[in-house]
Amino acid sequence: SYLATESILPSNARNLWLRPGRVAYARISLAFP
């Protein structure tokens, strides 16, 4: 159980990943210097 205060305090957006249950992800970030 957890109240996501980051939705109330946008300064804590770094904590938006904090969720019950496992989450797997893949990401590709491309840059063209």
PDB file of all heavy atoms in Angstrom:
ATOM      1  N   SER A   1       0.860  -1.180   0.000  1.00  0.00           N
ATOM      2  CA  SER A   1       0.000   0.000   0.000  1.00  0.00           C
ATOM      3  C   SER A   1       0.898   1.232   0.000  1.00  0.00           C
ATOM      4  O   SER A   1       1.920   1.271   0.688  1.00  0.00           O
ATOM      5  CB  SER A   1      -0.894   0.012   1.242  1.00  0.00           C
ATOM      6  OG  SER A   1      -1.785  -1.083   1.225  1.00  0.00           O
ATOM      7  N   TYR A   2       0.503   2.254  -0.754  1.00  0.00           N
ATOM      8  CA  TYR A   2       1.359   3.441  -0.861  1.00  0.00           C
ATOM      9  C   TYR A   2       0.562   4.569  -1.493  1.00  0.00           C
ATOM     10  O   TYR A   2      -0.125   4.368  -2.503  1.00  0.00           O
ATOM     11  CB  TYR A   2       2.587   3.115  -1.707  1.00  0.00           C
ATOM     12  CG  TYR A   2       3.505   4.287  -1.974  1.00  0.00           C
ATOM     13  CD1 TYR A   2       4.238   4.876  -0.950  1.00  0.00           C
ATOM     14  CD2 TYR A   2       3.645   4.794  -3.262  1.00  0.00           C
ATOM     15  CE1 TYR A   2       5.082   5.944  -1.211  1.00  0.00           C
ATOM     16  CE2 TYR A   2       4.489   5.858  -3.524  1.00  0.00           C
ATOM     17  CZ  TYR A   2       5.202   6.430  -2.497  1.00  0.00           C
ATOM     18  OH  TYR A   2       6.034   7.484  -2.739  1.00  0.00           O
ATOM     19  N   LEU A   3       0.641   5.758  -0.908  1.00  0.00           N
ATOM     20  CA  LEU A   3       0.065   6.958  -1.498  1.00  0.00           C
ATOM     21  C   LEU A   3       1.155   7.656  -2.298  1.00  0.00           C
ATOM     22  O   LEU A   3       2.183   8.045  -1.746  1.00  0.00           O
ATOM     23  CB  LEU A   3      -0.475   7.901  -0.425  1.00  0.00           C
ATOM     24  CG  LEU A   3      -1.002   9.234  -0.952  1.00  0.00           C
ATOM     25  CD1 LEU A   3      -2.349   9.043  -1.629  1.00  0.00           C
ATOM     26  CD2 LEU A   3      -1.115  10.261   0.160  1.00  0.00           C
ATOM     27  N   ALA A   4       0.953   7.801  -3.590  1.00  0.00           N
ATOM     28  CA  ALA A   4       1.970   8.366  -4.473  1.00  0.00           C
ATOM     29  C   ALA A   4       1.994   9.884  -4.321  1.00  0.00           C
ATOM     30  O   ALA A   4       1.294  10.603  -5.041  1.00  0.00           O
ATOM     31  CB  ALA A   4       1.708   7.965  -5.918  1.00  0.00           C
ATOM     32  N   THR A   5       2.783  10.373  -3.378  1.00  0.00           N
ATOM     33  CA  THR A   5       2.856  11.818  -3.160  1.00  0.00           C
ATOM     34  C   THR A   5       3.502  12.536  -4.329  1.00  0.00           C
ATOM     35  O   THR A   5       3.377  13.754  -4.447  1.00  0.00           O
ATOM     36  CB  THR A   5       3.644  12.127  -1.881  1.00  0.00           C
ATOM     37  OG1 THR A   5       4.947  11.542  -1.962  1.00  0.00           O
ATOM     38  CG2 THR A   5       2.932  11.567  -0.655  1.00  0.00           C
ATOM     39  N   GLU A   6       4.207  11.812  -5.217  1.00  0.00           N
ATOM     40  CA  GLU A   6       4.815  12.469  -6.371  1.00  0.00           C
ATOM     41  C   GLU A   6       3.757  13.028  -7.315  1.00  0.00           C
ATOM     42  O   GLU A   6       4.050  13.929  -8.101  1.00  0.00           O
ATOM     43  CB  GLU A   6       5.745  11.520  -7.133  1.00  0.00           C
ATOM     44  CG  GLU A   6       5.132  10.203  -7.513  1.00  0.00           C
ATOM     45  CD  GLU A   6       5.379   9.156  -6.458  1.00  0.00           C
ATOM     46  OE1 GLU A   6       5.634   9.512  -5.301  1.00  0.00           O
ATOM     47  OE2 GLU A   6       5.317   7.970  -6.791  1.00  0.00           O
ATOM     48  N   SER A   7       2.514  12.503  -7.264  1.00  0.00           N
ATOM     49  CA  SER A   7       1.443  13.101  -8.061  1.00  0.00           C
ATOM     50  C   SER A   7       0.979  14.416  -7.449  1.00  0.00           C
ATOM     51  O   SER A   7       0.331  15.225  -8.106  1.00  0.00           O
ATOM     52  CB  SER A   7       0.263  12.134  -8.166  1.00  0.00           C
ATOM     53  OG  SER A   7      -0.300  11.886  -6.888  1.00  0.00           O
ATOM     54  N   ILE A   8       1.301  14.645  -6.164  1.00  0.00           N
ATOM     55  CA  ILE A   8       0.955  15.879  -5.470  1.00  0.00           C
ATOM     56  C   ILE A   8       2.126  16.851  -5.500  1.00  0.00           C
ATOM     57  O   ILE A   8       1.952  18.060  -5.612  1.00  0.00           O
ATOM     58  CB  ILE A   8       0.560  15.570  -4.016  1.00  0.00           C
ATOM     59  CG1 ILE A   8      -0.591  14.553  -4.005  1.00  0.00           C
ATOM     60  CG2 ILE A   8       0.178  16.828  -3.255  1.00  0.00           C
ATOM     61  CD1 ILE A   8      -0.787  13.900  -2.674  1.00  0.00           C
ATOM     62  N   LEU A   9       3.358  16.301  -5.415  1.00  0.00           N
ATOM     63  CA  LEU A   9       4.565  17.117  -5.437  1.00  0.00           C
ATOM     64  C   LEU A   9       5.337  16.816  -6.711  1.00  0.00           C
ATOM     65  O   LEU A   9       6.117  15.869  -6.757  1.00  0.00           O
ATOM     66  CB  LEU A   9       5.446  16.811  -4.221  1.00  0.00           C
ATOM     67  CG  LEU A   9       4.806  17.005  -2.847  1.00  0.00           C
ATOM     68  CD1 LEU A   9       5.753  16.523  -1.768  1.00  0.00           C
ATOM     69  CD2 LEU A   9       4.453  18.458  -2.633  1.00  0.00           C
ATOM     70  N   PRO A  10       5.138  17.591  -7.773  1.00  0.00           N
ATOM     71  CA  PRO A  10       5.841  17.295  -9.019  1.00  0.00           C
ATOM     72  C   PRO A  10       7.352  17.329  -8.902  1.00  0.00           C
ATOM     73  O   PRO A  10       8.055  16.816  -9.756  1.00  0.00           O
ATOM     74  CB  PRO A  10       5.338  18.394  -9.964  1.00  0.00           C
ATOM     75  CG  PRO A  10       4.039  18.818  -9.380  1.00  0.00           C
ATOM     76  CD  PRO A  10       4.200  18.691  -7.896  1.00  0.00           C
ATOM     77  N   SER A  11       7.880  17.937  -7.836  1.00  0.00           N
ATOM     78  CA  SER A  11       9.326  17.932  -7.643  1.00  0.00           C
ATOM     79  C   SER A  11       9.844  16.528  -7.414  1.00  0.00           C
ATOM     80  O   SER A  11      11.037  16.263  -7.553  1.00  0.00           O
ATOM     81  CB  SER A  11       9.702  18.811  -6.444  1.00  0.00           C
ATOM     82  OG  SER A  11       9.088  18.321  -5.261  1.00  0.00           O
ATOM     83  N   ASN A  12       8.947  15.582  -7.050  1.00  0.00           N
ATOM     84  CA  ASN A  12       9.365  14.217  -6.785  1.00  0.00           C
ATOM     85  C   ASN A  12       9.028  13.293  -7.943  1.00  0.00           C
ATOM     86  O   ASN A  12       8.773  12.106  -7.745  1.00  0.00           O
ATOM     87  CB  ASN A  12       8.701  13.694  -5.502  1.00  0.00           C
ATOM     88  CG  ASN A  12       9.225  14.420  -4.293  1.00  0.00           C
ATOM     89  OD1 ASN A  12      10.375  14.811  -4.270  1.00  0.00           O
ATOM     90  ND2 ASN A  12       8.389  14.600  -3.294  1.00  0.00           N
ATOM     91  N   ALA A  13       9.037  13.807  -9.160  1.00  0.00           N
ATOM     92  CA  ALA A  13       8.674  12.976 -10.305  1.00  0.00           C
ATOM     93  C   ALA A  13       9.634  11.800 -10.475  1.00  0.00           C
ATOM     94  O   ALA A  13       9.311  10.825 -11.142  1.00  0.00           O
ATOM     95  CB  ALA A  13       8.662  13.822 -11.578  1.00  0.00           C
ATOM     96  N   ARG A  14      10.816  11.878  -9.871  1.00  0.00           N
ATOM     97  CA  ARG A  14      11.764  10.765  -9.974  1.00  0.00           C
ATOM     98  C   ARG A  14      11.217   9.508  -9.318  1.00  0.00           C
ATOM     99  O   ARG A  14      11.732   8.414  -9.541  1.00  0.00           O
ATOM    100  CB  ARG A  14      13.093  11.143  -9.327  1.00  0.00           C
ATOM    101  CG  ARG A  14      12.999  11.457  -7.835  1.00  0.00           C
ATOM    102  CD  ARG A  14      14.346  11.882  -7.286  1.00  0.00           C
ATOM    103  NE  ARG A  14      14.286  12.153  -5.856  1.00  0.00           N
ATOM    104  CZ  ARG A  14      13.940  13.310  -5.339  1.00  0.00           C
ATOM    105  NH1 ARG A  14      13.605  14.294  -6.143  1.00  0.00           N
ATOM    106  NH2 ARG A  14      13.920  13.501  -4.030  1.00  0.00           N
ATOM    107  N   ASN A  15      10.170   9.627  -8.483  1.00  0.00           N
ATOM    108  CA  ASN A  15       9.615   8.466  -7.787  1.00  0.00           C
ATOM    109  C   ASN A  15       8.390   7.885  -8.485  1.00  0.00           C
ATOM    110  O   ASN A  15       7.715   7.023  -7.931  1.00  0.00           O
ATOM    111  CB  ASN A  15       9.227   8.856  -6.349  1.00  0.00           C
ATOM    112  CG  ASN A  15      10.433   9.262  -5.528  1.00  0.00           C
ATOM    113  OD1 ASN A  15      11.468   8.612  -5.590  1.00  0.00           O
ATOM    114  ND2 ASN A  15      10.316  10.342  -4.780  1.00  0.00           N
ATOM    115  N   LEU A  16       8.085   8.326  -9.720  1.00  0.00           N
ATOM    116  CA  LEU A  16       6.894   7.843 -10.399  1.00  0.00           C
ATOM    117  C   LEU A  16       6.981   6.350 -10.714  1.00  0.00           C
ATOM    118  O   LEU A  16       5.978   5.716 -11.002  1.00  0.00           O
ATOM    119  CB  LEU A  16       6.674   8.637 -11.693  1.00  0.00           C
ATOM    120  CG  LEU A  16       6.171  10.072 -11.500  1.00  0.00           C
ATOM    121  CD1 LEU A  16       6.139  10.797 -12.834  1.00  0.00           C
ATOM    122  CD2 LEU A  16       4.791  10.087 -10.869  1.00  0.00           C
ATOM    123  N   TRP A  17       8.176   5.780 -10.703  1.00  0.00           N
ATOM    124  CA  TRP A  17       8.335   4.347 -10.981  1.00  0.00           C
ATOM    125  C   TRP A  17       7.855   3.488  -9.816  1.00  0.00           C
ATOM    126  O   TRP A  17       7.727   2.267  -9.946  1.00  0.00           O
ATOM    127  CB  TRP A  17       9.814   4.037 -11.231  1.00  0.00           C
ATOM    128  CG  TRP A  17      10.700   4.566 -10.137  1.00  0.00           C
ATOM    129  CD1 TRP A  17      11.357   5.767 -10.137  1.00  0.00           C
ATOM    130  CD2 TRP A  17      10.985   3.956  -8.879  1.00  0.00           C
ATOM    131  NE1 TRP A  17      12.032   5.937  -8.957  1.00  0.00           N
ATOM    132  CE2 TRP A  17      11.825   4.837  -8.167  1.00  0.00           C
ATOM    133  CE3 TRP A  17      10.619   2.751  -8.288  1.00  0.00           C
ATOM    134  CZ2 TRP A  17      12.287   4.556  -6.892  1.00  0.00           C
ATOM    135  CZ3 TRP A  17      11.086   2.477  -7.020  1.00  0.00           C
ATOM    136  CH2 TRP A  17      11.922   3.373  -6.340  1.00  0.00           C
ATOM    137  N   LEU A  18       7.599   4.065  -8.662  1.00  0.00           N
ATOM    138  CA  LEU A  18       7.305   3.294  -7.453  1.00  0.00           C
ATOM    139  C   LEU A  18       5.880   2.740  -7.537  1.00  0.00           C
ATOM    140  O   LEU A  18       4.911   3.430  -7.240  1.00  0.00           O
ATOM    141  CB  LEU A  18       7.477   4.193  -6.227  1.00  0.00           C
ATOM    142  CG  LEU A  18       7.652   3.498  -4.878  1.00  0.00           C
ATOM    143  CD1 LEU A  18       8.828   2.553  -4.891  1.00  0.00           C
ATOM    144  CD2 LEU A  18       7.827   4.540  -3.782  1.00  0.00           C
ATOM    145  N   ARG A  19       5.757   1.479  -7.951  1.00  0.00           N
ATOM    146  CA  ARG A  19       4.466   0.844  -8.135  1.00  0.00           C
ATOM    147  C   ARG A  19       4.533  -0.603  -7.657  1.00  0.00           C
ATOM    148  O   ARG A  19       5.548  -1.275  -7.818  1.00  0.00           O
ATOM    149  CB  ARG A  19       4.063   0.848  -9.618  1.00  0.00           C
ATOM    150  CG  ARG A  19       3.732   2.226 -10.180  1.00  0.00           C
ATOM    151  CD  ARG A  19       2.435   2.746  -9.603  1.00  0.00           C
ATOM    152  NE  ARG A  19       2.024   4.011 -10.175  1.00  0.00           N
ATOM    153  CZ  ARG A  19       2.380   5.190  -9.717  1.00  0.00           C
ATOM    154  NH1 ARG A  19       3.189   5.269  -8.680  1.00  0.00           N
ATOM    155  NH2 ARG A  19       1.938   6.298 -10.276  1.00  0.00           N
ATOM    156  N   PRO A  20       3.430  -1.129  -7.076  1.00  0.00           N
ATOM    157  CA  PRO A  20       3.406  -2.550  -6.727  1.00  0.00           C
ATOM    158  C   PRO A  20       3.368  -3.402  -7.982  1.00  0.00           C
ATOM    159  O   PRO A  20       2.768  -3.026  -8.988  1.00  0.00           O
ATOM    160  CB  PRO A  20       2.123  -2.688  -5.908  1.00  0.00           C
ATOM    161  CG  PRO A  20       1.262  -1.557  -6.350  1.00  0.00           C
ATOM    162  CD  PRO A  20       2.198  -0.439  -6.697  1.00  0.00           C
ATOM    163  N   GLY A  21       4.021  -4.573  -7.932  1.00  0.00           N
ATOM    164  CA  GLY A  21       4.053  -5.449  -9.093  1.00  0.00           C
ATOM    165  C   GLY A  21       5.286  -5.211  -9.946  1.00  0.00           C
ATOM    166  O   GLY A  21       5.792  -4.091 -10.068  1.00  0.00           O
ATOM    167  N   ARG A  22       5.806  -6.282 -10.544  1.00  0.00           N
ATOM    168  CA  ARG A  22       7.018  -6.216 -11.354  1.00  0.00           C
ATOM    169  C   ARG A  22       6.727  -5.580 -12.705  1.00  0.00           C
ATOM    170  O   ARG A  22       5.703  -5.845 -13.336  1.00  0.00           O
ATOM    171  CB  ARG A  22       7.575  -7.630 -11.539  1.00  0.00           C
ATOM    172  CG  ARG A  22       8.880  -7.703 -12.313  1.00  0.00           C
ATOM    173  CD  ARG A  22       9.309  -9.138 -12.582  1.00  0.00           C
ATOM    174  NE  ARG A  22       9.536  -9.859 -11.326  1.00  0.00           N
ATOM    175  CZ  ARG A  22       8.805 -10.872 -10.907  1.00  0.00           C
ATOM    176  NH1 ARG A  22       7.765 -11.282 -11.640  1.00  0.00           N
ATOM    177  NH2 ARG A  22       9.068 -11.477  -9.764  1.00  0.00           N
ATOM    178  N   VAL A  23       7.644  -4.729 -13.170  1.00  0.00           N
ATOM    179  CA  VAL A  23       7.530  -4.083 -14.478  1.00  0.00           C
ATOM    180  C   VAL A  23       8.857  -4.239 -15.214  1.00  0.00           C
ATOM    181  O   VAL A  23       9.898  -3.803 -14.716  1.00  0.00           O
ATOM    182  CB  VAL A  23       7.184  -2.590 -14.359  1.00  0.00           C
ATOM    183  CG1 VAL A  23       7.180  -1.933 -15.737  1.00  0.00           C
ATOM    184  CG2 VAL A  23       5.837  -2.398 -13.678  1.00  0.00           C
ATOM    185  N   ALA A  24       8.825  -4.874 -16.384  1.00  0.00           N
ATOM    186  CA  ALA A  24      10.015  -4.986 -17.236  1.00  0.00           C
ATOM    187  C   ALA A  24       9.865  -4.032 -18.414  1.00  0.00           C
ATOM    188  O   ALA A  24       8.756  -3.786 -18.901  1.00  0.00           O
ATOM    189  CB  ALA A  24      10.177  -6.420 -17.729  1.00  0.00           C
ATOM    190  N   TYR A  25      10.983  -3.486 -18.885  1.00  0.00           N
ATOM    191  CA  TYR A  25      10.916  -2.512 -19.967  1.00  0.00           C
ATOM    192  C   TYR A  25      12.152  -2.608 -20.853  1.00  0.00           C
ATOM    193  O   TYR A  25      13.199  -3.149 -20.456  1.00  0.00           O
ATOM    194  CB  TYR A  25      10.792  -1.087 -19.411  1.00  0.00           C
ATOM    195  CG  TYR A  25      11.992  -0.627 -18.610  1.00  0.00           C
ATOM    196  CD1 TYR A  25      13.076  -0.004 -19.240  1.00  0.00           C
ATOM    197  CD2 TYR A  25      12.061  -0.818 -17.239  1.00  0.00           C
ATOM    198  CE1 TYR A  25      14.176   0.407 -18.519  1.00  0.00           C
ATOM    199  CE2 TYR A  25      13.150  -0.406 -16.501  1.00  0.00           C
ATOM    200  CZ  TYR A  25      14.209   0.206 -17.147  1.00  0.00           C
ATOM    201  OH  TYR A  25      15.308   0.609 -16.430  1.00  0.00           O
ATOM    202  N   ALA A  26      12.022  -2.085 -22.060  1.00  0.00           N
ATOM    203  CA  ALA A  26      13.133  -1.921 -22.992  1.00  0.00           C
ATOM    204  C   ALA A  26      13.003  -0.549 -23.630  1.00  0.00           C
ATOM    205  O   ALA A  26      11.891  -0.066 -23.874  1.00  0.00           O
ATOM    206  CB  ALA A  26      13.117  -3.011 -24.058  1.00  0.00           C
ATOM    207  N   ARG A  27      14.134   0.096 -23.876  1.00  0.00           N
ATOM    208  CA  ARG A  27      14.090   1.468 -24.386  1.00  0.00           C
ATOM    209  C   ARG A  27      15.252   1.691 -25.358  1.00  0.00           C
ATOM    210  O   ARG A  27      16.375   1.245 -25.106  1.00  0.00           O
ATOM    211  CB  ARG A  27      14.187   2.454 -23.219  1.00  0.00           C
ATOM    212  CG  ARG A  27      14.149   3.915 -23.641  1.00  0.00           C
ATOM    213  CD  ARG A  27      14.356   4.851 -22.467  1.00  0.00           C
ATOM    214  NE  ARG A  27      13.330   4.674 -21.454  1.00  0.00           N
ATOM    215  CZ  ARG A  27      13.567   4.287 -20.212  1.00  0.00           C
ATOM    216  NH1 ARG A  27      14.804   4.018 -19.825  1.00  0.00           N
ATOM    217  NH2 ARG A  27      12.584   4.166 -19.329  1.00  0.00           N
ATOM    218  N   ILE A  28      14.970   2.371 -26.442  1.00  0.00           N
ATOM    219  CA  ILE A  28      16.002   2.777 -27.407  1.00  0.00           C
ATOM    220  C   ILE A  28      15.941   4.289 -27.524  1.00  0.00           C
ATOM    221  O   ILE A  28      14.888   4.855 -27.828  1.00  0.00           O
ATOM    222  CB  ILE A  28      15.797   2.121 -28.777  1.00  0.00           C
ATOM    223  CG1 ILE A  28      15.877   0.596 -28.659  1.00  0.00           C
ATOM    224  CG2 ILE A  28      16.843   2.634 -29.767  1.00  0.00           C
ATOM    225  CD1 ILE A  28      15.615  -0.118 -29.982  1.00  0.00           C
ATOM    226  N   SER A  29      17.064   4.958 -27.279  1.00  0.00           N
ATOM    227  CA  SER A  29      17.164   6.408 -27.409  1.00  0.00           C
ATOM    228  C   SER A  29      18.225   6.713 -28.466  1.00  0.00           C
ATOM    229  O   SER A  29      19.374   6.278 -28.329  1.00  0.00           O
ATOM    230  CB  SER A  29      17.552   7.056 -26.068  1.00  0.00           C
ATOM    231  OG  SER A  29      16.620   6.726 -25.059  1.00  0.00           O
ATOM    232  N   LEU A  30      17.821   7.430 -29.514  1.00  0.00           N
ATOM    233  CA  LEU A  30      18.721   7.723 -30.615  1.00  0.00           C
ATOM    234  C   LEU A  30      19.018   9.219 -30.686  1.00  0.00           C
ATOM    235  O   LEU A  30      18.148  10.038 -30.412  1.00  0.00           O
ATOM    236  CB  LEU A  30      18.120   7.271 -31.940  1.00  0.00           C
ATOM    237  CG  LEU A  30      17.823   5.758 -32.084  1.00  0.00           C
ATOM    238  CD1 LEU A  30      17.171   5.471 -33.419  1.00  0.00           C
ATOM    239  CD2 LEU A  30      19.088   4.947 -31.896  1.00  0.00           C
ATOM    240  N   ALA A  31      20.260   9.536 -31.016  1.00  0.00           N
ATOM    241  CA  ALA A  31      20.683  10.929 -31.189  1.00  0.00           C
ATOM    242  C   ALA A  31      21.467  11.028 -32.482  1.00  0.00           C
ATOM    243  O   ALA A  31      22.168  10.094 -32.888  1.00  0.00           O
ATOM    244  CB  ALA A  31      21.537  11.379 -30.017  1.00  0.00           C
ATOM    245  N   PHE A  32      21.359  12.157 -33.147  1.00  0.00           N
ATOM    246  CA  PHE A  32      22.034  12.365 -34.423  1.00  0.00           C
ATOM    247  C   PHE A  32      22.872  13.633 -34.327  1.00  0.00           C
ATOM    248  O   PHE A  32      22.422  14.727 -34.648  1.00  0.00           O
ATOM    249  CB  PHE A  32      21.002  12.476 -35.552  1.00  0.00           C
ATOM    250  CG  PHE A  32      20.102  11.271 -35.649  1.00  0.00           C
ATOM    251  CD1 PHE A  32      18.870  11.269 -35.032  1.00  0.00           C
ATOM    252  CD2 PHE A  32      20.514  10.139 -36.335  1.00  0.00           C
ATOM    253  CE1 PHE A  32      18.039  10.170 -35.109  1.00  0.00           C
ATOM    254  CE2 PHE A  32      19.695   9.027 -36.409  1.00  0.00           C
ATOM    255  CZ  PHE A  32      18.459   9.044 -35.808  1.00  0.00           C
ATOM    256  N   PRO A  33      24.108  13.468 -33.828  1.00  0.00           N
ATOM    257  CA  PRO A  33      24.947  14.646 -33.607  1.00  0.00           C
ATOM    258  C   PRO A  33      25.343  15.300 -34.932  1.00  0.00           C
ATOM    259  O   PRO A  33      25.321  14.698 -35.981  1.00  0.00           O
ATOM    260  CB  PRO A  33      26.161  14.097 -32.862  1.00  0.00           C
ATOM    261  CG  PRO A  33      26.191  12.647 -33.169  1.00  0.00           C
ATOM    262  CD  PRO A  33      24.780  12.216 -33.442  1.00  0.00           C
TER     263      PRO A  33
END
